[in-house]
Amino acid sequence: MKLNIEIDCTPAEARAFFGLPDVTVLNDHLVAEMQKRMDANMAAMQPDELMKTWTSFGAQAQDQFRRLMEAAVTGAPKA
């Protein structure tokens, strides 16, 4: 025997039926907070800001690599 039951209700009605809490206010607050944080961090995604960040890492990385190579050459046994 096969029994199919179809219930037509909204998600809010289903939550209320099962006794689950209404979290729409909390969800709205979290979404608004995420939007504020994203808007505040959008400046970091501008091309000129990205280039500043990448260039600073590049210069530091080049200096560190040069020091590593100098240490390798001076510390290498002489043949």
N, C-alpha and C. Protein backbone atom coordinates (compact mmCIF):
# COMPACT_ATOMS: atom_id res chain seq x y z
N MET A 1 0.84 -1.16 0.00
CA MET A 1 0.00 0.00 0.00
C MET A 1 0.90 1.24 0.00
N LYS A 2 0.55 2.19 -0.81
CA LYS A 2 1.31 3.42 -0.94
C LYS A 2 0.40 4.59 -0.62
N LEU A 3 0.87 5.49 0.23
CA LEU A 3 0.07 6.62 0.66
C LEU A 3 0.87 7.89 0.43
N ASN A 4 0.32 8.82 -0.31
CA ASN A 4 0.97 10.10 -0.57
C ASN A 4 0.16 11.21 0.09
N ILE A 5 0.86 12.05 0.84
CA ILE A 5 0.21 13.20 1.46
C ILE A 5 0.94 14.44 0.96
N GLU A 6 0.18 15.36 0.41
CA GLU A 6 0.77 16.59 -0.11
C GLU A 6 0.28 17.74 0.76
N ILE A 7 1.23 18.49 1.30
CA ILE A 7 0.90 19.62 2.16
C ILE A 7 1.36 20.89 1.46
N ASP A 8 0.45 21.82 1.32
CA ASP A 8 0.76 23.08 0.67
C ASP A 8 0.81 24.17 1.74
N CYS A 9 2.05 24.58 2.09
CA CYS A 9 2.20 25.63 3.09
C CYS A 9 3.51 26.38 2.85
N THR A 10 3.60 27.52 3.44
CA THR A 10 4.82 28.32 3.31
C THR A 10 5.87 27.80 4.30
N PRO A 11 7.13 28.15 4.11
CA PRO A 11 8.15 27.75 5.08
C PRO A 11 7.85 28.25 6.49
N ALA A 12 7.32 29.47 6.61
CA ALA A 12 6.97 30.00 7.93
C ALA A 12 5.88 29.17 8.59
N GLU A 13 4.89 28.75 7.81
CA GLU A 13 3.83 27.91 8.34
C GLU A 13 4.35 26.55 8.77
N ALA A 14 5.26 26.00 8.00
CA ALA A 14 5.85 24.70 8.35
C ALA A 14 6.66 24.80 9.65
N ARG A 15 7.45 25.88 9.78
CA ARG A 15 8.22 26.07 11.02
C ARG A 15 7.29 26.19 12.23
N ALA A 16 6.22 26.96 12.07
CA ALA A 16 5.27 27.13 13.17
C ALA A 16 4.60 25.80 13.51
N PHE A 17 4.27 25.01 12.52
CA PHE A 17 3.62 23.72 12.75
C PHE A 17 4.52 22.78 13.54
N PHE A 18 5.82 22.77 13.21
CA PHE A 18 6.76 21.88 13.90
C PHE A 18 7.31 22.50 15.19
N GLY A 19 6.89 23.72 15.50
CA GLY A 19 7.31 24.34 16.75
C GLY A 19 8.71 24.94 16.70
N LEU A 20 9.21 25.18 15.53
CA LEU A 20 10.54 25.77 15.40
C LEU A 20 10.45 27.28 15.58
N PRO A 21 11.51 27.90 16.09
CA PRO A 21 11.45 29.35 16.33
C PRO A 21 11.48 30.14 15.03
N ASP A 22 10.92 31.35 15.10
CA ASP A 22 10.94 32.25 13.96
C ASP A 22 12.26 33.04 14.02
N VAL A 23 13.14 32.81 13.07
CA VAL A 23 14.46 33.43 13.08
C VAL A 23 14.60 34.50 12.00
N THR A 24 13.51 35.00 11.50
CA THR A 24 13.59 35.98 10.42
C THR A 24 14.25 37.28 10.89
N VAL A 25 13.98 37.71 12.12
CA VAL A 25 14.59 38.94 12.63
C VAL A 25 16.11 38.76 12.76
N LEU A 26 16.53 37.62 13.28
CA LEU A 26 17.95 37.32 13.41
C LEU A 26 18.61 37.24 12.04
N ASN A 27 17.95 36.60 11.11
CA ASN A 27 18.48 36.48 9.75
C ASN A 27 18.61 37.84 9.09
N ASP A 28 17.61 38.68 9.25
CA ASP A 28 17.67 40.03 8.68
C ASP A 28 18.83 40.83 9.28
N HIS A 29 19.04 40.68 10.59
CA HIS A 29 20.15 41.38 11.25
C HIS A 29 21.49 40.90 10.72
N LEU A 30 21.65 39.58 10.59
CA LEU A 30 22.91 39.03 10.09
C LEU A 30 23.19 39.46 8.65
N VAL A 31 22.17 39.47 7.83
CA VAL A 31 22.35 39.89 6.43
C VAL A 31 22.74 41.36 6.37
N ALA A 32 22.10 42.20 7.18
CA ALA A 32 22.44 43.63 7.21
C ALA A 32 23.88 43.83 7.68
N GLU A 33 24.31 43.08 8.69
CA GLU A 33 25.68 43.19 9.20
C GLU A 33 26.69 42.76 8.14
N MET A 34 26.39 41.68 7.43
CA MET A 34 27.28 41.22 6.36
C MET A 34 27.38 42.26 5.25
N GLN A 35 26.27 42.90 4.92
CA GLN A 35 26.29 43.94 3.90
C GLN A 35 27.14 45.12 4.33
N LYS A 36 27.03 45.52 5.62
CA LYS A 36 27.85 46.63 6.12
C LYS A 36 29.33 46.28 6.04
N ARG A 37 29.70 45.06 6.43
CA ARG A 37 31.11 44.65 6.40
C ARG A 37 31.63 44.58 4.98
N MET A 38 30.81 44.08 4.07
CA MET A 38 31.24 44.00 2.67
C MET A 38 31.43 45.40 2.09
N ASP A 39 30.50 46.31 2.39
CA ASP A 39 30.64 47.68 1.91
C ASP A 39 31.89 48.34 2.47
N ALA A 40 32.19 48.07 3.74
CA ALA A 40 33.37 48.66 4.37
C ALA A 40 34.66 48.12 3.76
N ASN A 41 34.65 46.89 3.29
CA ASN A 41 35.86 46.28 2.75
C ASN A 41 35.97 46.39 1.23
N MET A 42 35.01 47.03 0.60
CA MET A 42 35.05 47.16 -0.86
C MET A 42 36.24 47.99 -1.32
N ALA A 43 36.69 48.95 -0.49
CA ALA A 43 37.83 49.78 -0.87
C ALA A 43 39.07 48.93 -1.07
N ALA A 44 39.19 47.85 -0.32
CA ALA A 44 40.37 46.98 -0.46
C ALA A 44 40.38 46.24 -1.79
N MET A 45 39.25 46.19 -2.46
CA MET A 45 39.18 45.47 -3.73
C MET A 45 39.41 46.38 -4.94
N GLN A 46 39.66 47.66 -4.69
CA GLN A 46 39.93 48.57 -5.80
C GLN A 46 41.29 48.22 -6.41
N PRO A 47 41.44 48.36 -7.72
CA PRO A 47 42.69 47.96 -8.37
C PRO A 47 43.93 48.64 -7.79
N ASP A 48 43.85 49.94 -7.48
CA ASP A 48 45.04 50.61 -6.96
C ASP A 48 45.42 50.09 -5.57
N GLU A 49 44.43 49.74 -4.74
CA GLU A 49 44.72 49.18 -3.42
C GLU A 49 45.31 47.77 -3.55
N LEU A 50 44.79 46.98 -4.49
CA LEU A 50 45.35 45.65 -4.71
C LEU A 50 46.80 45.73 -5.16
N MET A 51 47.09 46.66 -6.04
CA MET A 51 48.47 46.80 -6.53
C MET A 51 49.41 47.22 -5.40
N LYS A 52 48.96 48.10 -4.51
CA LYS A 52 49.79 48.50 -3.37
C LYS A 52 50.10 47.28 -2.50
N THR A 53 49.09 46.48 -2.24
CA THR A 53 49.29 45.30 -1.41
C THR A 53 50.23 44.30 -2.08
N TRP A 54 50.00 44.03 -3.35
CA TRP A 54 50.83 43.06 -4.06
C TRP A 54 52.26 43.56 -4.18
N THR A 55 52.45 44.85 -4.42
CA THR A 55 53.80 45.38 -4.58
C THR A 55 54.56 45.30 -3.27
N SER A 56 53.88 45.59 -2.17
CA SER A 56 54.58 45.53 -0.89
C SER A 56 55.01 44.10 -0.59
N PHE A 57 54.15 43.14 -0.90
CA PHE A 57 54.54 41.75 -0.70
C PHE A 57 55.69 41.38 -1.64
N GLY A 58 55.64 41.90 -2.85
CA GLY A 58 56.68 41.59 -3.83
C GLY A 58 58.04 42.09 -3.40
N ALA A 59 58.12 43.31 -2.88
CA ALA A 59 59.40 43.87 -2.45
C ALA A 59 59.94 43.10 -1.25
N GLN A 60 59.09 42.77 -0.31
CA GLN A 60 59.53 42.01 0.85
C GLN A 60 59.99 40.62 0.44
N ALA A 61 59.26 40.02 -0.46
CA ALA A 61 59.63 38.68 -0.91
C ALA A 61 60.96 38.70 -1.66
N GLN A 62 61.19 39.75 -2.46
CA GLN A 62 62.46 39.86 -3.18
C GLN A 62 63.62 40.02 -2.22
N ASP A 63 63.47 40.86 -1.20
CA ASP A 63 64.53 41.05 -0.22
C ASP A 63 64.82 39.77 0.54
N GLN A 64 63.77 39.07 0.93
CA GLN A 64 63.95 37.82 1.67
C GLN A 64 64.64 36.78 0.79
N PHE A 65 64.25 36.70 -0.48
CA PHE A 65 64.88 35.74 -1.38
C PHE A 65 66.36 36.09 -1.59
N ARG A 66 66.67 37.40 -1.73
CA ARG A 66 68.06 37.82 -1.90
C ARG A 66 68.88 37.45 -0.67
N ARG A 67 68.35 37.68 0.53
CA ARG A 67 69.06 37.32 1.76
C ARG A 67 69.26 35.81 1.84
N LEU A 68 68.27 35.04 1.42
CA LEU A 68 68.38 33.59 1.43
C LEU A 68 69.49 33.13 0.50
N MET A 69 69.54 33.73 -0.69
CA MET A 69 70.59 33.36 -1.65
C MET A 69 71.97 33.77 -1.14
N GLU A 70 72.08 34.96 -0.53
CA GLU A 70 73.37 35.38 0.03
C GLU A 70 73.83 34.45 1.12
N ALA A 71 72.89 34.03 1.97
CA ALA A 71 73.24 33.09 3.04
C ALA A 71 73.65 31.76 2.48
N ALA A 72 73.00 31.33 1.42
CA ALA A 72 73.36 30.05 0.80
C ALA A 72 74.74 30.12 0.19
N VAL A 73 75.09 31.26 -0.44
CA VAL A 73 76.39 31.38 -1.08
C VAL A 73 77.51 31.49 -0.05
N THR A 74 77.29 32.28 0.98
CA THR A 74 78.34 32.46 1.99
C THR A 74 78.49 31.22 2.88
N GLY A 75 77.44 30.48 3.06
CA GLY A 75 77.49 29.30 3.90
C GLY A 75 77.89 28.04 3.15
N ALA A 76 78.01 28.14 1.83
CA ALA A 76 78.33 26.95 1.03
C ALA A 76 79.81 26.61 1.21
N PRO A 77 80.11 25.32 1.29
CA PRO A 77 81.53 24.93 1.41
C PRO A 77 82.29 25.29 0.14
N LYS A 78 83.50 25.79 0.32
CA LYS A 78 84.31 26.21 -0.84
C LYS A 78 85.05 24.98 -1.38
N ALA A 79 84.99 24.87 -2.69
CA ALA A 79 85.60 23.70 -3.32
C ALA A 79 87.05 23.93 -3.63
